[in-house]
Amino acid sequence: MIVLLCKFGIAQKHVGTWYDWNNIHPHEDYYVNHRWAKKWPIYKEYDQGGVVIKEYNFLNGAENGLCVLTI
């Protein structure tokens, strides 16, 4: 019962976009909180080869902390 309350209390939706139509090469990957419609907790952006090029945290829908860039 407690697990269900926690799950629905902080419901989130996984959002992903891809470079190609058959969803092999990811472009973005993040979660959106249903209650406030804000990104959280981690946002990742990929290059066309599937390597993470940008990763940062969100808090209350805004970037929070350091942004990790890989080039």
N, C-alpha and C. Protein backbone atom coordinates (compact mmCIF):
# COMPACT_ATOMS: atom_id res chain seq x y z
N MET A 1 0.81 -1.19 0.00
CA MET A 1 0.00 0.00 0.00
C MET A 1 0.87 1.26 0.00
N ILE A 2 1.91 1.26 0.82
CA ILE A 2 2.79 2.43 0.89
C ILE A 2 3.50 2.65 -0.44
N VAL A 3 3.90 1.57 -1.07
CA VAL A 3 4.58 1.68 -2.36
C VAL A 3 3.66 2.33 -3.39
N LEU A 4 2.41 1.94 -3.43
CA LEU A 4 1.46 2.53 -4.37
C LEU A 4 1.24 4.01 -4.10
N LEU A 5 1.15 4.39 -2.84
CA LEU A 5 0.97 5.79 -2.51
C LEU A 5 2.18 6.62 -2.93
N CYS A 6 3.37 6.08 -2.74
CA CYS A 6 4.57 6.79 -3.17
C CYS A 6 4.63 6.92 -4.69
N LYS A 7 4.26 5.87 -5.38
CA LYS A 7 4.30 5.89 -6.85
C LYS A 7 3.34 6.93 -7.41
N PHE A 8 2.13 6.99 -6.91
CA PHE A 8 1.15 7.92 -7.45
C PHE A 8 1.31 9.33 -6.88
N GLY A 9 1.94 9.46 -5.73
CA GLY A 9 2.18 10.76 -5.14
C GLY A 9 3.21 11.57 -5.93
N ILE A 10 4.17 10.88 -6.53
CA ILE A 10 5.20 11.56 -7.33
C ILE A 10 5.24 10.94 -8.72
N ALA A 11 4.09 10.86 -9.35
CA ALA A 11 3.98 10.25 -10.67
C ALA A 11 4.86 10.98 -11.67
N GLN A 12 5.49 10.23 -12.53
CA GLN A 12 6.37 10.81 -13.52
C GLN A 12 6.21 10.10 -14.85
N LYS A 13 6.52 10.80 -15.91
CA LYS A 13 6.41 10.25 -17.25
C LYS A 13 7.79 10.32 -17.92
N HIS A 14 8.20 9.22 -18.50
CA HIS A 14 9.48 9.19 -19.21
C HIS A 14 9.28 9.78 -20.60
N VAL A 15 10.16 10.70 -20.98
CA VAL A 15 10.09 11.34 -22.29
C VAL A 15 11.41 11.08 -23.01
N GLY A 16 11.31 10.65 -24.24
CA GLY A 16 12.50 10.44 -25.04
C GLY A 16 12.25 10.83 -26.48
N THR A 17 13.25 11.41 -27.10
CA THR A 17 13.17 11.72 -28.52
C THR A 17 14.35 11.05 -29.21
N TRP A 18 14.19 10.76 -30.50
CA TRP A 18 15.21 10.03 -31.23
C TRP A 18 15.56 10.76 -32.52
N TYR A 19 16.76 10.45 -33.01
CA TYR A 19 17.21 11.01 -34.29
C TYR A 19 16.55 10.30 -35.48
N ASP A 20 16.15 9.05 -35.29
CA ASP A 20 15.62 8.26 -36.40
C ASP A 20 14.20 7.78 -36.11
N TRP A 21 13.50 7.40 -37.15
CA TRP A 21 12.09 7.02 -37.03
C TRP A 21 11.89 5.69 -36.31
N ASN A 22 12.89 4.80 -36.28
CA ASN A 22 12.71 3.49 -35.64
C ASN A 22 13.29 3.44 -34.22
N ASN A 23 13.54 4.61 -33.62
CA ASN A 23 13.93 4.74 -32.22
C ASN A 23 15.16 3.94 -31.82
N ILE A 24 16.21 4.01 -32.62
CA ILE A 24 17.46 3.33 -32.29
C ILE A 24 18.47 4.31 -31.70
N HIS A 25 18.55 5.52 -32.27
CA HIS A 25 19.54 6.50 -31.82
C HIS A 25 18.84 7.60 -31.02
N PRO A 26 19.02 7.60 -29.68
CA PRO A 26 18.33 8.59 -28.84
C PRO A 26 18.89 10.00 -29.02
N HIS A 27 18.04 10.98 -28.86
CA HIS A 27 18.44 12.39 -28.90
C HIS A 27 18.35 13.01 -27.50
N GLU A 28 17.22 12.79 -26.81
CA GLU A 28 17.01 13.31 -25.46
C GLU A 28 16.38 12.24 -24.58
N ASP A 29 16.62 12.35 -23.27
CA ASP A 29 16.04 11.41 -22.32
C ASP A 29 15.84 12.13 -20.99
N TYR A 30 14.59 12.19 -20.53
CA TYR A 30 14.31 12.85 -19.25
C TYR A 30 12.93 12.43 -18.75
N TYR A 31 12.62 12.83 -17.54
CA TYR A 31 11.33 12.55 -16.93
C TYR A 31 10.59 13.86 -16.69
N VAL A 32 9.26 13.80 -16.72
CA VAL A 32 8.43 14.96 -16.44
C VAL A 32 7.51 14.59 -15.29
N ASN A 33 7.44 15.46 -14.31
CA ASN A 33 6.55 15.27 -13.18
C ASN A 33 5.14 15.61 -13.62
N HIS A 34 4.18 14.69 -13.44
CA HIS A 34 2.80 14.91 -13.89
C HIS A 34 2.12 16.07 -13.16
N ARG A 35 2.40 16.21 -11.90
CA ARG A 35 1.70 17.21 -11.11
C ARG A 35 2.07 18.63 -11.53
N TRP A 36 3.36 18.88 -11.78
CA TRP A 36 3.81 20.24 -12.09
C TRP A 36 4.27 20.39 -13.53
N ALA A 37 4.28 19.33 -14.31
CA ALA A 37 4.71 19.35 -15.71
C ALA A 37 6.10 19.97 -15.87
N LYS A 38 7.02 19.55 -15.00
CA LYS A 38 8.39 20.06 -15.04
C LYS A 38 9.37 18.90 -15.21
N LYS A 39 10.48 19.17 -15.90
CA LYS A 39 11.52 18.15 -16.06
C LYS A 39 12.18 17.89 -14.71
N TRP A 40 12.52 16.62 -14.48
CA TRP A 40 13.27 16.26 -13.28
C TRP A 40 13.63 14.80 -13.35
N PRO A 41 14.52 14.19 -12.66
CA PRO A 41 15.63 14.80 -11.97
C PRO A 41 16.87 14.96 -12.86
N ILE A 42 17.02 14.10 -13.88
CA ILE A 42 18.22 14.15 -14.73
C ILE A 42 17.82 14.25 -16.20
N TYR A 43 18.48 15.14 -16.92
CA TYR A 43 18.26 15.32 -18.35
C TYR A 43 19.52 14.87 -19.07
N LYS A 44 19.37 14.08 -20.13
CA LYS A 44 20.52 13.63 -20.92
C LYS A 44 20.27 13.94 -22.39
N GLU A 45 21.30 14.42 -23.06
CA GLU A 45 21.25 14.67 -24.49
C GLU A 45 22.36 13.86 -25.16
N TYR A 46 22.04 13.23 -26.29
CA TYR A 46 22.96 12.32 -26.97
C TYR A 46 23.35 12.87 -28.34
N ASP A 47 24.53 12.42 -28.82
CA ASP A 47 24.88 12.72 -30.20
C ASP A 47 24.27 11.65 -31.10
N GLN A 48 24.48 11.73 -32.40
CA GLN A 48 23.83 10.78 -33.32
C GLN A 48 24.38 9.37 -33.18
N GLY A 49 25.53 9.19 -32.54
CA GLY A 49 26.08 7.86 -32.32
C GLY A 49 25.61 7.23 -31.02
N GLY A 50 24.81 7.95 -30.23
CA GLY A 50 24.27 7.41 -28.99
C GLY A 50 25.13 7.69 -27.77
N VAL A 51 26.13 8.57 -27.90
CA VAL A 51 27.00 8.92 -26.77
C VAL A 51 26.42 10.14 -26.06
N VAL A 52 26.39 10.09 -24.72
CA VAL A 52 25.88 11.22 -23.93
C VAL A 52 26.82 12.40 -24.11
N ILE A 53 26.28 13.55 -24.56
CA ILE A 53 27.10 14.74 -24.74
C ILE A 53 26.77 15.81 -23.71
N LYS A 54 25.59 15.74 -23.09
CA LYS A 54 25.20 16.72 -22.08
C LYS A 54 24.34 16.02 -21.04
N GLU A 55 24.65 16.27 -19.77
CA GLU A 55 23.85 15.69 -18.69
C GLU A 55 23.82 16.69 -17.53
N TYR A 56 22.62 16.99 -17.05
CA TYR A 56 22.50 17.87 -15.90
C TYR A 56 21.23 17.57 -15.12
N ASN A 57 21.20 18.08 -13.90
CA ASN A 57 20.08 17.85 -12.99
C ASN A 57 19.08 18.98 -13.08
N PHE A 58 17.83 18.64 -12.78
CA PHE A 58 16.76 19.62 -12.68
C PHE A 58 16.21 19.61 -11.27
N LEU A 59 15.84 20.78 -10.79
CA LEU A 59 15.16 20.92 -9.51
C LEU A 59 14.08 21.97 -9.70
N ASN A 60 12.83 21.59 -9.48
CA ASN A 60 11.68 22.48 -9.67
C ASN A 60 11.62 23.03 -11.10
N GLY A 61 11.98 22.22 -12.08
CA GLY A 61 11.86 22.60 -13.47
C GLY A 61 12.99 23.44 -14.02
N ALA A 62 14.00 23.73 -13.21
CA ALA A 62 15.13 24.55 -13.66
C ALA A 62 16.44 23.77 -13.51
N GLU A 63 17.42 24.11 -14.34
CA GLU A 63 18.72 23.46 -14.23
C GLU A 63 19.30 23.73 -12.85
N ASN A 64 19.91 22.69 -12.28
CA ASN A 64 20.45 22.80 -10.93
C ASN A 64 21.80 22.11 -10.88
N GLY A 65 22.81 22.81 -10.45
CA GLY A 65 24.14 22.21 -10.30
C GLY A 65 24.95 22.29 -11.58
N LEU A 66 25.96 21.44 -11.63
CA LEU A 66 26.87 21.44 -12.76
C LEU A 66 26.30 20.71 -13.97
N CYS A 67 26.62 21.20 -15.14
CA CYS A 67 26.26 20.52 -16.39
C CYS A 67 27.50 19.77 -16.86
N VAL A 68 27.35 18.47 -17.11
CA VAL A 68 28.46 17.66 -17.58
C VAL A 68 28.42 17.59 -19.11
N LEU A 69 29.45 18.11 -19.74
CA LEU A 69 29.56 18.08 -21.21
C LEU A 69 30.65 17.11 -21.61
N THR A 70 30.35 16.25 -22.57
CA THR A 70 31.33 15.30 -23.08
C THR A 70 31.51 15.57 -24.56
N ILE A 71 32.72 15.92 -24.95
CA ILE A 71 32.97 16.19 -26.36
C ILE A 71 34.16 15.39 -26.83
